[in-house]
Structures are given as C-alpha cells and as structure tokens.
Amino acid sequence: MGKGRELIPGFQEEIHPGVWQRHLLWGAPQWWTHLWMGICLFGLAYIIYNLPFKAVFPLAGVWLVGQSLLMQLTRWDPQWDDVLLKNLFGRRYKKRYLAG
C-alpha cells in the first residue's frame, strides 16, 4: 500500500484459499475424481446385479490404482488436466516460441 493510506476495518481481509487454489478431492482434481468414481460405481452396480460378489474386490483394486494414478499426476503437474484437454480438444500449444 502507498504511504499515507489507512486501512479501513472490515475491508482488508485475506482471500479464502478456495477462490485461488484448485479444488481437490482425495488428492486429485474434483472433476476427474467424480468421473472415476462414477465409472467405478457403474461397474459396482453391474457386478452386484450380474456377477458373484467376489468380483467386487478386483474392482476395488482397480479403483485404488486409478485414484492413485490421478493423485500422482496431480503431484507431478497440478495443471495436467488443463494441458490434456487443451491438447485433445482445443488449439494446440505452440511447440516453440514464435517472436513477432
């Protein structure tokens, strides 16, 4: 702040981290975690209605491996999903800097 300015009580507050930090669920971006849980729950419903109950345990392992992969990708690069979606559906990132 510049010299000579006074702080007005009630207007000088810290920004809540939810405004500027990514929303993570179990260490991965929320959208991807919800999508992965939805896929696994669909698989669970299929197993419950059509297969023996013993098949639930491998599905739990598949969910755990998938969630761990999402967590590791997020630790490696917090914006990995933005880059992936941009490369798949948007204009591609420039491979080198083009001046001018």
C-alpha atoms as a PDB file:
ATOM      1  CA  MET A   1       0.000   0.000   0.000  1.00  0.00           C
ATOM      2  CA  GLY A   2       1.099   3.551  -0.650  1.00  0.00           C
ATOM      3  CA  LYS A   3       2.272   5.898   2.049  1.00  0.00           C
ATOM      4  CA  GLY A   4      -0.339   7.857   3.954  1.00  0.00           C
ATOM      5  CA  ARG A   5      -3.191   5.394   3.370  1.00  0.00           C
ATOM      6  CA  GLU A   6      -5.078   3.985   6.288  1.00  0.00           C
ATOM      7  CA  LEU A   7      -6.624   0.536   6.356  1.00  0.00           C
ATOM      8  CA  ILE A   8     -10.401   0.535   6.556  1.00  0.00           C
ATOM      9  CA  PRO A   9     -11.547  -2.011   9.140  1.00  0.00           C
ATOM     10  CA  GLY A  10     -13.516  -4.841   7.582  1.00  0.00           C
ATOM     11  CA  PHE A  11     -12.270  -4.260   4.026  1.00  0.00           C
ATOM     12  CA  GLN A  12      -8.766  -5.647   4.451  1.00  0.00           C
ATOM     13  CA  GLU A  13      -9.247  -9.418   4.616  1.00  0.00           C
ATOM     14  CA  GLU A  14      -7.278 -12.335   3.276  1.00  0.00           C
ATOM     15  CA  ILE A  15      -8.643 -14.117   0.242  1.00  0.00           C
ATOM     16  CA  HIS A  16     -10.137 -17.530   1.002  1.00  0.00           C
ATOM     17  CA  PRO A  17      -7.911 -20.294  -0.492  1.00  0.00           C
ATOM     18  CA  GLY A  18     -10.930 -21.837  -2.249  1.00  0.00           C
ATOM     19  CA  VAL A  19     -11.005 -18.855  -4.571  1.00  0.00           C
ATOM     20  CA  TRP A  20      -7.496 -19.256  -5.990  1.00  0.00           C
ATOM     21  CA  GLN A  21      -6.492 -22.859  -5.246  1.00  0.00           C
ATOM     22  CA  ARG A  22      -7.640 -25.902  -7.202  1.00  0.00           C
ATOM     23  CA  HIS A  23     -10.451 -27.941  -5.705  1.00  0.00           C
ATOM     24  CA  LEU A  24      -9.046 -31.390  -4.979  1.00  0.00           C
ATOM     25  CA  LEU A  25     -10.855 -34.479  -3.804  1.00  0.00           C
ATOM     26  CA  TRP A  26      -8.626 -37.237  -2.397  1.00  0.00           C
ATOM     27  CA  GLY A  27      -5.557 -35.568  -3.913  1.00  0.00           C
ATOM     28  CA  ALA A  28      -6.865 -35.283  -7.487  1.00  0.00           C
ATOM     29  CA  PRO A  29      -8.932 -32.667  -9.350  1.00  0.00           C
ATOM     30  CA  GLN A  30     -12.565 -32.863  -8.321  1.00  0.00           C
ATOM     31  CA  TRP A  31     -13.997 -33.338 -11.810  1.00  0.00           C
ATOM     32  CA  TRP A  32     -11.712 -36.277 -12.634  1.00  0.00           C
ATOM     33  CA  THR A  33     -12.309 -37.904  -9.240  1.00  0.00           C
ATOM     34  CA  HIS A  34     -16.077 -37.662  -9.682  1.00  0.00           C
ATOM     35  CA  LEU A  35     -15.830 -39.122 -13.192  1.00  0.00           C
ATOM     36  CA  TRP A  36     -13.651 -42.014 -11.983  1.00  0.00           C
ATOM     37  CA  MET A  37     -15.988 -42.714  -9.048  1.00  0.00           C
ATOM     38  CA  GLY A  38     -18.985 -42.700 -11.403  1.00  0.00           C
ATOM     39  CA  ILE A  39     -17.323 -45.232 -13.706  1.00  0.00           C
ATOM     40  CA  CYS A  40     -16.431 -47.466 -10.770  1.00  0.00           C
ATOM     41  CA  LEU A  41     -19.914 -47.194  -9.255  1.00  0.00           C
ATOM     42  CA  PHE A  42     -21.415 -48.200 -12.585  1.00  0.00           C
ATOM     43  CA  GLY A  43     -19.075 -51.209 -12.551  1.00  0.00           C
ATOM     44  CA  LEU A  44     -20.145 -51.965  -8.979  1.00  0.00           C
ATOM     45  CA  ALA A  45     -23.817 -51.896  -9.958  1.00  0.00           C
ATOM     46  CA  TYR A  46     -23.094 -54.246 -12.856  1.00  0.00           C
ATOM     47  CA  ILE A  47     -21.212 -56.642 -10.575  1.00  0.00           C
ATOM     48  CA  ILE A  48     -23.946 -56.624  -7.925  1.00  0.00           C
ATOM     49  CA  TYR A  49     -26.680 -57.483 -10.410  1.00  0.00           C
ATOM     50  CA  ASN A  50     -24.869 -59.827 -12.806  1.00  0.00           C
ATOM     51  CA  LEU A  51     -21.742 -61.345 -11.251  1.00  0.00           C
ATOM     52  CA  PRO A  52     -20.815 -63.053  -7.982  1.00  0.00           C
ATOM     53  CA  PHE A  53     -19.962 -60.759  -5.066  1.00  0.00           C
ATOM     54  CA  LYS A  54     -16.307 -61.894  -5.137  1.00  0.00           C
ATOM     55  CA  ALA A  55     -15.799 -59.733  -8.230  1.00  0.00           C
ATOM     56  CA  VAL A  56     -16.163 -56.600  -6.084  1.00  0.00           C
ATOM     57  CA  PHE A  57     -12.641 -56.984  -4.682  1.00  0.00           C
ATOM     58  CA  PRO A  58     -10.818 -56.661  -8.027  1.00  0.00           C
ATOM     59  CA  LEU A  59     -12.988 -53.616  -8.793  1.00  0.00           C
ATOM     60  CA  ALA A  60     -11.857 -52.041  -5.518  1.00  0.00           C
ATOM     61  CA  GLY A  61      -8.260 -52.619  -6.599  1.00  0.00           C
ATOM     62  CA  VAL A  62      -8.944 -51.040  -9.994  1.00  0.00           C
ATOM     63  CA  TRP A  63     -10.479 -48.001  -8.282  1.00  0.00           C
ATOM     64  CA  LEU A  64      -7.484 -47.692  -5.946  1.00  0.00           C
ATOM     65  CA  VAL A  65      -4.967 -47.915  -8.805  1.00  0.00           C
ATOM     66  CA  GLY A  66      -6.905 -45.360 -10.867  1.00  0.00           C
ATOM     67  CA  GLN A  67      -7.226 -42.901  -7.980  1.00  0.00           C
ATOM     68  CA  SER A  68      -3.536 -43.320  -7.163  1.00  0.00           C
ATOM     69  CA  LEU A  69      -2.682 -42.552 -10.781  1.00  0.00           C
ATOM     70  CA  LEU A  70      -4.783 -39.371 -10.658  1.00  0.00           C
ATOM     71  CA  MET A  71      -3.065 -38.347  -7.409  1.00  0.00           C
ATOM     72  CA  GLN A  72       0.415 -38.939  -8.825  1.00  0.00           C
ATOM     73  CA  LEU A  73      -0.394 -36.973 -11.974  1.00  0.00           C
ATOM     74  CA  THR A  74      -1.601 -34.089  -9.812  1.00  0.00           C
ATOM     75  CA  ARG A  75       1.570 -34.159  -7.721  1.00  0.00           C
ATOM     76  CA  TRP A  76       3.710 -34.262 -10.861  1.00  0.00           C
ATOM     77  CA  ASP A  77       1.886 -31.386 -12.579  1.00  0.00           C
ATOM     78  CA  PRO A  78      -1.051 -29.661 -10.861  1.00  0.00           C
ATOM     79  CA  GLN A  79      -2.410 -28.485 -14.241  1.00  0.00           C
ATOM     80  CA  TRP A  80      -2.090 -31.812 -16.093  1.00  0.00           C
ATOM     81  CA  ASP A  81      -5.778 -31.989 -16.925  1.00  0.00           C
ATOM     82  CA  ASP A  82      -5.836 -28.500 -18.446  1.00  0.00           C
ATOM     83  CA  VAL A  83      -2.913 -29.396 -20.692  1.00  0.00           C
ATOM     84  CA  LEU A  84      -4.504 -32.725 -21.653  1.00  0.00           C
ATOM     85  CA  LEU A  85      -7.859 -31.179 -22.536  1.00  0.00           C
ATOM     86  CA  LYS A  86      -6.189 -28.335 -24.427  1.00  0.00           C
ATOM     87  CA  ASN A  87      -4.137 -30.790 -26.490  1.00  0.00           C
ATOM     88  CA  LEU A  88      -7.096 -33.082 -27.205  1.00  0.00           C
ATOM     89  CA  PHE A  89      -9.904 -30.624 -27.911  1.00  0.00           C
ATOM     90  CA  GLY A  90      -8.509 -27.127 -28.239  1.00  0.00           C
ATOM     91  CA  ARG A  91      -5.921 -25.334 -30.215  1.00  0.00           C
ATOM     92  CA  ARG A  92      -2.574 -26.958 -29.700  1.00  0.00           C
ATOM     93  CA  TYR A  93       0.130 -25.347 -27.627  1.00  0.00           C
ATOM     94  CA  LYS A  94       2.928 -23.865 -29.680  1.00  0.00           C
ATOM     95  CA  LYS A  95       5.944 -26.136 -29.690  1.00  0.00           C
ATOM     96  CA  ARG A  96       8.328 -23.218 -29.620  1.00  0.00           C
ATOM     97  CA  TYR A  97       8.188 -19.518 -29.066  1.00  0.00           C
ATOM     98  CA  LEU A  98       7.378 -17.561 -32.204  1.00  0.00           C
ATOM     99  CA  ALA A  99       8.569 -13.985 -31.864  1.00  0.00           C
ATOM    100  CA  GLY A 100       6.854 -11.316 -33.605  1.00  0.00           C
END
